[in-house]
Amino acid sequence: MDSQNADHAAVDRRLENLEIKASYTEDLLEQLNLAVYRQQQVIDSLALQVAQLRQQSPEQGGGARTLLDELPPHY
């Protein structure tokens, strides 16, 4: 009977450790999801700012380019 009690106690400890790890994992996942959400908000804001800047000066941002535009002035 003593080995059964020891086995039961070992299983209980292992189960408790797994529950603790699962709890920490859930907390970490929630923190990571929040970080991703905040980063997406920043990305969306920056994309909106870029679109607004392109609208302010359409002749510089969206025009067709040629290879001559890419050459440095000394060519």
PDB file of N, CA and C in Angstrom:
ATOM      1  N   MET A   1       0.799  -1.194   0.000  1.00  0.00           N
ATOM      2  CA  MET A   1       0.000   0.000   0.000  1.00  0.00           C
ATOM      3  C   MET A   1       0.848   1.267   0.000  1.00  0.00           C
ATOM      4  N   ASP A   2       2.026   1.219   0.595  1.00  0.00           N
ATOM      5  CA  ASP A   2       2.872   2.410   0.630  1.00  0.00           C
ATOM      6  C   ASP A   2       3.315   2.826  -0.764  1.00  0.00           C
ATOM      7  N   SER A   3       3.596   1.867  -1.627  1.00  0.00           N
ATOM      8  CA  SER A   3       4.019   2.214  -2.983  1.00  0.00           C
ATOM      9  C   SER A   3       2.859   2.813  -3.771  1.00  0.00           C
ATOM     10  N   GLN A   4       1.636   2.374  -3.448  1.00  0.00           N
ATOM     11  CA  GLN A   4       0.466   2.959  -4.110  1.00  0.00           C
ATOM     12  C   GLN A   4       0.286   4.405  -3.685  1.00  0.00           C
ATOM     13  N   ASN A   5       0.470   4.677  -2.414  1.00  0.00           N
ATOM     14  CA  ASN A   5       0.359   6.039  -1.912  1.00  0.00           C
ATOM     15  C   ASN A   5       1.458   6.925  -2.501  1.00  0.00           C
ATOM     16  N   ALA A   6       2.654   6.388  -2.620  1.00  0.00           N
ATOM     17  CA  ALA A   6       3.767   7.149  -3.193  1.00  0.00           C
ATOM     18  C   ALA A   6       3.504   7.432  -4.666  1.00  0.00           C
ATOM     19  N   ASP A   7       2.986   6.412  -5.371  1.00  0.00           N
ATOM     20  CA  ASP A   7       2.649   6.605  -6.787  1.00  0.00           C
ATOM     21  C   ASP A   7       1.554   7.657  -6.947  1.00  0.00           C
ATOM     22  N   HIS A   8       0.561   7.582  -6.087  1.00  0.00           N
ATOM     23  CA  HIS A   8      -0.540   8.543  -6.133  1.00  0.00           C
ATOM     24  C   HIS A   8      -0.031   9.959  -5.853  1.00  0.00           C
ATOM     25  N   ALA A   9       0.851  10.096  -4.873  1.00  0.00           N
ATOM     26  CA  ALA A   9       1.411  11.406  -4.548  1.00  0.00           C
ATOM     27  C   ALA A   9       2.258  11.936  -5.715  1.00  0.00           C
ATOM     28  N   ALA A  10       3.015  11.062  -6.360  1.00  0.00           N
ATOM     29  CA  ALA A  10       3.838  11.475  -7.500  1.00  0.00           C
ATOM     30  C   ALA A  10       2.954  11.929  -8.655  1.00  0.00           C
ATOM     31  N   VAL A  11       1.873  11.211  -8.899  1.00  0.00           N
ATOM     32  CA  VAL A  11       0.944  11.592  -9.966  1.00  0.00           C
ATOM     33  C   VAL A  11       0.296  12.931  -9.637  1.00  0.00           C
ATOM     34  N   ASP A  12      -0.075  13.123  -8.377  1.00  0.00           N
ATOM     35  CA  ASP A  12      -0.664  14.395  -7.950  1.00  0.00           C
ATOM     36  C   ASP A  12       0.305  15.559  -8.161  1.00  0.00           C
ATOM     37  N   ARG A  13       1.586  15.340  -7.817  1.00  0.00           N
ATOM     38  CA  ARG A  13       2.597  16.396  -7.998  1.00  0.00           C
ATOM     39  C   ARG A  13       2.776  16.722  -9.485  1.00  0.00           C
ATOM     40  N   ARG A  14       2.834  15.672 -10.287  1.00  0.00           N
ATOM     41  CA  ARG A  14       2.997  15.885 -11.729  1.00  0.00           C
ATOM     42  C   ARG A  14       1.793  16.619 -12.308  1.00  0.00           C
ATOM     43  N   LEU A  15       0.610  16.231 -11.883  1.00  0.00           N
ATOM     44  CA  LEU A  15      -0.600  16.887 -12.359  1.00  0.00           C
ATOM     45  C   LEU A  15      -0.622  18.354 -11.925  1.00  0.00           C
ATOM     46  N   GLU A  16      -0.253  18.618 -10.689  1.00  0.00           N
ATOM     47  CA  GLU A  16      -0.212  19.995 -10.197  1.00  0.00           C
ATOM     48  C   GLU A  16       0.806  20.825 -10.987  1.00  0.00           C
ATOM     49  N   ASN A  17       1.980  20.251 -11.269  1.00  0.00           N
ATOM     50  CA  ASN A  17       2.991  20.960 -12.061  1.00  0.00           C
ATOM     51  C   ASN A  17       2.482  21.264 -13.467  1.00  0.00           C
ATOM     52  N   LEU A  18       1.781  20.315 -14.068  1.00  0.00           N
ATOM     53  CA  LEU A  18       1.212  20.529 -15.397  1.00  0.00           C
ATOM     54  C   LEU A  18       0.150  21.630 -15.374  1.00  0.00           C
ATOM     55  N   GLU A  19      -0.665  21.648 -14.316  1.00  0.00           N
ATOM     56  CA  GLU A  19      -1.683  22.690 -14.192  1.00  0.00           C
ATOM     57  C   GLU A  19      -1.040  24.065 -14.037  1.00  0.00           C
ATOM     58  N   ILE A  20       0.045  24.139 -13.281  1.00  0.00           N
ATOM     59  CA  ILE A  20       0.759  25.410 -13.113  1.00  0.00           C
ATOM     60  C   ILE A  20       1.343  25.867 -14.447  1.00  0.00           C
ATOM     61  N   LYS A  21       1.976  24.933 -15.169  1.00  0.00           N
ATOM     62  CA  LYS A  21       2.544  25.268 -16.473  1.00  0.00           C
ATOM     63  C   LYS A  21       1.452  25.718 -17.442  1.00  0.00           C
ATOM     64  N   ALA A  22       0.313  25.051 -17.422  1.00  0.00           N
ATOM     65  CA  ALA A  22      -0.792  25.430 -18.302  1.00  0.00           C
ATOM     66  C   ALA A  22      -1.287  26.832 -17.962  1.00  0.00           C
ATOM     67  N   SER A  23      -1.343  27.135 -16.691  1.00  0.00           N
ATOM     68  CA  SER A  23      -1.782  28.465 -16.264  1.00  0.00           C
ATOM     69  C   SER A  23      -0.814  29.540 -16.751  1.00  0.00           C
ATOM     70  N   TYR A  24       0.497  29.302 -16.592  1.00  0.00           N
ATOM     71  CA  TYR A  24       1.498  30.257 -17.076  1.00  0.00           C
ATOM     72  C   TYR A  24       1.431  30.386 -18.599  1.00  0.00           C
ATOM     73  N   THR A  25       1.195  29.273 -19.278  1.00  0.00           N
ATOM     74  CA  THR A  25       1.112  29.296 -20.737  1.00  0.00           C
ATOM     75  C   THR A  25      -0.086  30.104 -21.203  1.00  0.00           C
ATOM     76  N   GLU A  26      -1.219  29.935 -20.546  1.00  0.00           N
ATOM     77  CA  GLU A  26      -2.412  30.712 -20.887  1.00  0.00           C
ATOM     78  C   GLU A  26      -2.175  32.199 -20.671  1.00  0.00           C
ATOM     79  N   ASP A  27      -1.503  32.553 -19.581  1.00  0.00           N
ATOM     80  CA  ASP A  27      -1.200  33.954 -19.299  1.00  0.00           C
ATOM     81  C   ASP A  27      -0.256  34.526 -20.352  1.00  0.00           C
ATOM     82  N   LEU A  28       0.758  33.768 -20.703  1.00  0.00           N
ATOM     83  CA  LEU A  28       1.703  34.214 -21.720  1.00  0.00           C
ATOM     84  C   LEU A  28       1.010  34.382 -23.063  1.00  0.00           C
ATOM     85  N   LEU A  29       0.141  33.452 -23.419  1.00  0.00           N
ATOM     86  CA  LEU A  29      -0.587  33.537 -24.678  1.00  0.00           C
ATOM     87  C   LEU A  29      -1.458  34.791 -24.714  1.00  0.00           C
ATOM     88  N   GLU A  30      -2.095  35.106 -23.612  1.00  0.00           N
ATOM     89  CA  GLU A  30      -2.919  36.316 -23.534  1.00  0.00           C
ATOM     90  C   GLU A  30      -2.053  37.566 -23.711  1.00  0.00           C
ATOM     91  N   GLN A  31      -0.892  37.590 -23.079  1.00  0.00           N
ATOM     92  CA  GLN A  31       0.023  38.724 -23.231  1.00  0.00           C
ATOM     93  C   GLN A  31       0.512  38.866 -24.665  1.00  0.00           C
ATOM     94  N   LEU A  32       0.841  37.747 -25.304  1.00  0.00           N
ATOM     95  CA  LEU A  32       1.303  37.786 -26.690  1.00  0.00           C
ATOM     96  C   LEU A  32       0.186  38.238 -27.628  1.00  0.00           C
ATOM     97  N   ASN A  33      -1.023  37.767 -27.395  1.00  0.00           N
ATOM     98  CA  ASN A  33      -2.155  38.215 -28.213  1.00  0.00           C
ATOM     99  C   ASN A  33      -2.369  39.712 -28.086  1.00  0.00           C
ATOM    100  N   LEU A  34      -2.236  40.236 -26.884  1.00  0.00           N
ATOM    101  CA  LEU A  34      -2.380  41.671 -26.672  1.00  0.00           C
ATOM    102  C   LEU A  34      -1.270  42.439 -27.384  1.00  0.00           C
ATOM    103  N   ALA A  35      -0.049  41.924 -27.342  1.00  0.00           N
ATOM    104  CA  ALA A  35       1.067  42.575 -28.028  1.00  0.00           C
ATOM    105  C   ALA A  35       0.839  42.583 -29.538  1.00  0.00           C
ATOM    106  N   VAL A  36       0.364  41.467 -30.086  1.00  0.00           N
ATOM    107  CA  VAL A  36       0.084  41.391 -31.523  1.00  0.00           C
ATOM    108  C   VAL A  36      -1.039  42.367 -31.890  1.00  0.00           C
ATOM    109  N   TYR A  37      -2.057  42.443 -31.062  1.00  0.00           N
ATOM    110  CA  TYR A  37      -3.170  43.365 -31.304  1.00  0.00           C
ATOM    111  C   TYR A  37      -2.675  44.808 -31.320  1.00  0.00           C
ATOM    112  N   ARG A  38      -1.852  45.166 -30.354  1.00  0.00           N
ATOM    113  CA  ARG A  38      -1.317  46.539 -30.302  1.00  0.00           C
ATOM    114  C   ARG A  38      -0.419  46.827 -31.502  1.00  0.00           C
ATOM    115  N   GLN A  39       0.403  45.860 -31.888  1.00  0.00           N
ATOM    116  CA  GLN A  39       1.262  46.055 -33.054  1.00  0.00           C
ATOM    117  C   GLN A  39       0.422  46.240 -34.315  1.00  0.00           C
ATOM    118  N   GLN A  40      -0.668  45.500 -34.436  1.00  0.00           N
ATOM    119  CA  GLN A  40      -1.527  45.647 -35.609  1.00  0.00           C
ATOM    120  C   GLN A  40      -2.171  47.025 -35.633  1.00  0.00           C
ATOM    121  N   GLN A  41      -2.522  47.556 -34.460  1.00  0.00           N
ATOM    122  CA  GLN A  41      -3.070  48.911 -34.397  1.00  0.00           C
ATOM    123  C   GLN A  41      -2.042  49.922 -34.906  1.00  0.00           C
ATOM    124  N   VAL A  42      -0.787  49.756 -34.508  1.00  0.00           N
ATOM    125  CA  VAL A  42       0.278  50.651 -34.959  1.00  0.00           C
ATOM    126  C   VAL A  42       0.470  50.521 -36.468  1.00  0.00           C
ATOM    127  N   ILE A  43       0.484  49.289 -36.965  1.00  0.00           N
ATOM    128  CA  ILE A  43       0.648  49.055 -38.399  1.00  0.00           C
ATOM    129  C   ILE A  43      -0.492  49.712 -39.173  1.00  0.00           C
ATOM    130  N   ASP A  44      -1.715  49.540 -38.707  1.00  0.00           N
ATOM    131  CA  ASP A  44      -2.868  50.146 -39.379  1.00  0.00           C
ATOM    132  C   ASP A  44      -2.764  51.665 -39.383  1.00  0.00           C
ATOM    133  N   SER A  45      -2.337  52.231 -38.267  1.00  0.00           N
ATOM    134  CA  SER A  45      -2.177  53.680 -38.174  1.00  0.00           C
ATOM    135  C   SER A  45      -1.105  54.173 -39.137  1.00  0.00           C
ATOM    136  N   LEU A  46       0.016  53.468 -39.197  1.00  0.00           N
ATOM    137  CA  LEU A  46       1.097  53.863 -40.099  1.00  0.00           C
ATOM    138  C   LEU A  46       0.667  53.725 -41.559  1.00  0.00           C
ATOM    139  N   ALA A  47      -0.068  52.679 -41.880  1.00  0.00           N
ATOM    140  CA  ALA A  47      -0.551  52.506 -43.248  1.00  0.00           C
ATOM    141  C   ALA A  47      -1.488  53.643 -43.633  1.00  0.00           C
ATOM    142  N   LEU A  48      -2.329  54.063 -42.714  1.00  0.00           N
ATOM    143  CA  LEU A  48      -3.221  55.188 -42.961  1.00  0.00           C
ATOM    144  C   LEU A  48      -2.422  56.469 -43.184  1.00  0.00           C
ATOM    145  N   GLN A  49      -1.391  56.681 -42.373  1.00  0.00           N
ATOM    146  CA  GLN A  49      -0.548  57.867 -42.540  1.00  0.00           C
ATOM    147  C   GLN A  49       0.153  57.868 -43.892  1.00  0.00           C
ATOM    148  N   VAL A  50       0.641  56.716 -44.320  1.00  0.00           N
ATOM    149  CA  VAL A  50       1.302  56.611 -45.626  1.00  0.00           C
ATOM    150  C   VAL A  50       0.307  56.926 -46.732  1.00  0.00           C
ATOM    151  N   ALA A  51      -0.911  56.398 -46.631  1.00  0.00           N
ATOM    152  CA  ALA A  51      -1.936  56.671 -47.640  1.00  0.00           C
ATOM    153  C   ALA A  51      -2.261  58.161 -47.687  1.00  0.00           C
ATOM    154  N   GLN A  52      -2.339  58.785 -46.523  1.00  0.00           N
ATOM    155  CA  GLN A  52      -2.621  60.222 -46.479  1.00  0.00           C
ATOM    156  C   GLN A  52      -1.481  61.028 -47.090  1.00  0.00           C
ATOM    157  N   LEU A  53      -0.255  60.632 -46.828  1.00  0.00           N
ATOM    158  CA  LEU A  53       0.890  61.330 -47.419  1.00  0.00           C
ATOM    159  C   LEU A  53       0.911  61.165 -48.933  1.00  0.00           C
ATOM    160  N   ARG A  54       0.549  59.985 -49.414  1.00  0.00           N
ATOM    161  CA  ARG A  54       0.496  59.773 -50.864  1.00  0.00           C
ATOM    162  C   ARG A  54      -0.570  60.635 -51.512  1.00  0.00           C
ATOM    163  N   GLN A  55      -1.673  60.850 -50.821  1.00  0.00           N
ATOM    164  CA  GLN A  55      -2.729  61.703 -51.361  1.00  0.00           C
ATOM    165  C   GLN A  55      -2.296  63.167 -51.394  1.00  0.00           C
ATOM    166  N   GLN A  56      -1.463  63.568 -50.440  1.00  0.00           N
ATOM    167  CA  GLN A  56      -1.016  64.963 -50.389  1.00  0.00           C
ATOM    168  C   GLN A  56      -0.072  65.300 -51.533  1.00  0.00           C
ATOM    169  N   SER A  57       0.729  64.333 -51.972  1.00  0.00           N
ATOM    170  CA  SER A  57       1.662  64.587 -53.067  1.00  0.00           C
ATOM    171  C   SER A  57       1.625  63.429 -54.062  1.00  0.00           C
ATOM    172  N   PRO A  58       0.556  63.337 -54.846  1.00  0.00           N
ATOM    173  CA  PRO A  58       0.433  62.195 -55.754  1.00  0.00           C
ATOM    174  C   PRO A  58       1.467  62.210 -56.877  1.00  0.00           C
ATOM    175  N   GLU A  59       1.983  63.369 -57.248  1.00  0.00           N
ATOM    176  CA  GLU A  59       2.953  63.412 -58.335  1.00  0.00           C
ATOM    177  C   GLU A  59       4.279  62.774 -57.937  1.00  0.00           C
ATOM    178  N   GLN A  60       4.576  62.673 -56.666  1.00  0.00           N
ATOM    179  CA  GLN A  60       5.832  62.070 -56.230  1.00  0.00           C
ATOM    180  C   GLN A  60       5.684  60.593 -55.900  1.00  0.00           C
ATOM    181  N   GLY A  61       4.543  60.177 -55.422  1.00  0.00           N
ATOM    182  CA  GLY A  61       4.424  58.819 -54.918  1.00  0.00           C
ATOM    183  C   GLY A  61       3.951  57.792 -55.910  1.00  0.00           C
ATOM    184  N   GLY A  62       2.946  58.101 -56.709  1.00  0.00           N
ATOM    185  CA  GLY A  62       2.335  57.054 -57.489  1.00  0.00           C
ATOM    186  C   GLY A  62       2.606  57.098 -58.974  1.00  0.00           C
ATOM    187  N   GLY A  63       3.414  58.015 -59.451  1.00  0.00           N
ATOM    188  CA  GLY A  63       3.643  58.141 -60.881  1.00  0.00           C
ATOM    189  C   GLY A  63       4.468  57.007 -61.444  1.00  0.00           C
ATOM    190  N   ALA A  64       4.357  56.840 -62.769  1.00  0.00           N
ATOM    191  CA  ALA A  64       5.149  55.809 -63.431  1.00  0.00           C
ATOM    192  C   ALA A  64       6.616  56.212 -63.435  1.00  0.00           C
ATOM    193  N   ARG A  65       7.479  55.241 -63.251  1.00  0.00           N
ATOM    194  CA  ARG A  65       8.914  55.518 -63.197  1.00  0.00           C
ATOM    195  C   ARG A  65       9.600  54.831 -64.367  1.00  0.00           C
ATOM    196  N   THR A  66      10.672  55.421 -64.807  1.00  0.00           N
ATOM    197  CA  THR A  66      11.466  54.824 -65.872  1.00  0.00           C
ATOM    198  C   THR A  66      12.836  54.485 -65.315  1.00  0.00           C
ATOM    199  N   LEU A  67      13.613  53.757 -66.099  1.00  0.00           N
ATOM    200  CA  LEU A  67      14.969  53.428 -65.664  1.00  0.00           C
ATOM    201  C   LEU A  67      15.825  54.678 -65.511  1.00  0.00           C
ATOM    202  N   LEU A  68      15.535  55.713 -66.284  1.00  0.00           N
ATOM    203  CA  LEU A  68      16.307  56.957 -66.163  1.00  0.00           C
ATOM    204  C   LEU A  68      16.109  57.592 -64.792  1.00  0.00           C
ATOM    205  N   ASP A  69      14.937  57.374 -64.207  1.00  0.00           N
ATOM    206  CA  ASP A  69      14.690  57.892 -62.862  1.00  0.00           C
ATOM    207  C   ASP A  69      15.570  57.201 -61.833  1.00  0.00           C
ATOM    208  N   GLU A  70      15.985  55.988 -62.112  1.00  0.00           N
ATOM    209  CA  GLU A  70      16.764  55.205 -61.168  1.00  0.00           C
ATOM    210  C   GLU A  70      18.266  55.491 -61.263  1.00  0.00           C
ATOM    211  N   LEU A  71      18.728  56.057 -62.378  1.00  0.00           N
ATOM    212  CA  LEU A  71      20.147  56.294 -62.562  1.00  0.00           C
ATOM    213  C   LEU A  71      20.632  57.474 -61.734  1.00  0.00           C
ATOM    214  N   PRO A  72      21.799  57.394 -61.155  1.00  0.00           N
ATOM    215  CA  PRO A  72      22.350  58.544 -60.452  1.00  0.00           C
ATOM    216  C   PRO A  72      22.628  59.678 -61.450  1.00  0.00           C
ATOM    217  N   PRO A  73      22.701  60.924 -61.006  1.00  0.00           N
ATOM    218  CA  PRO A  73      22.840  62.060 -61.909  1.00  0.00           C
ATOM    219  C   PRO A  73      24.135  62.065 -62.711  1.00  0.00           C
ATOM    220  N   HIS A  74      25.175  61.364 -62.294  1.00  0.00           N
ATOM    221  CA  HIS A  74      26.453  61.447 -63.031  1.00  0.00           C
ATOM    222  C   HIS A  74      26.477  60.560 -64.266  1.00  0.00           C
ATOM    223  N   TYR A  75      25.423  59.787 -64.551  1.00  0.00           N
ATOM    224  CA  TYR A  75      25.399  58.956 -65.761  1.00  0.00           C
ATOM    225  C   TYR A  75      24.881  59.718 -66.929  1.00  0.00           C
TER     226      TYR A  75
END
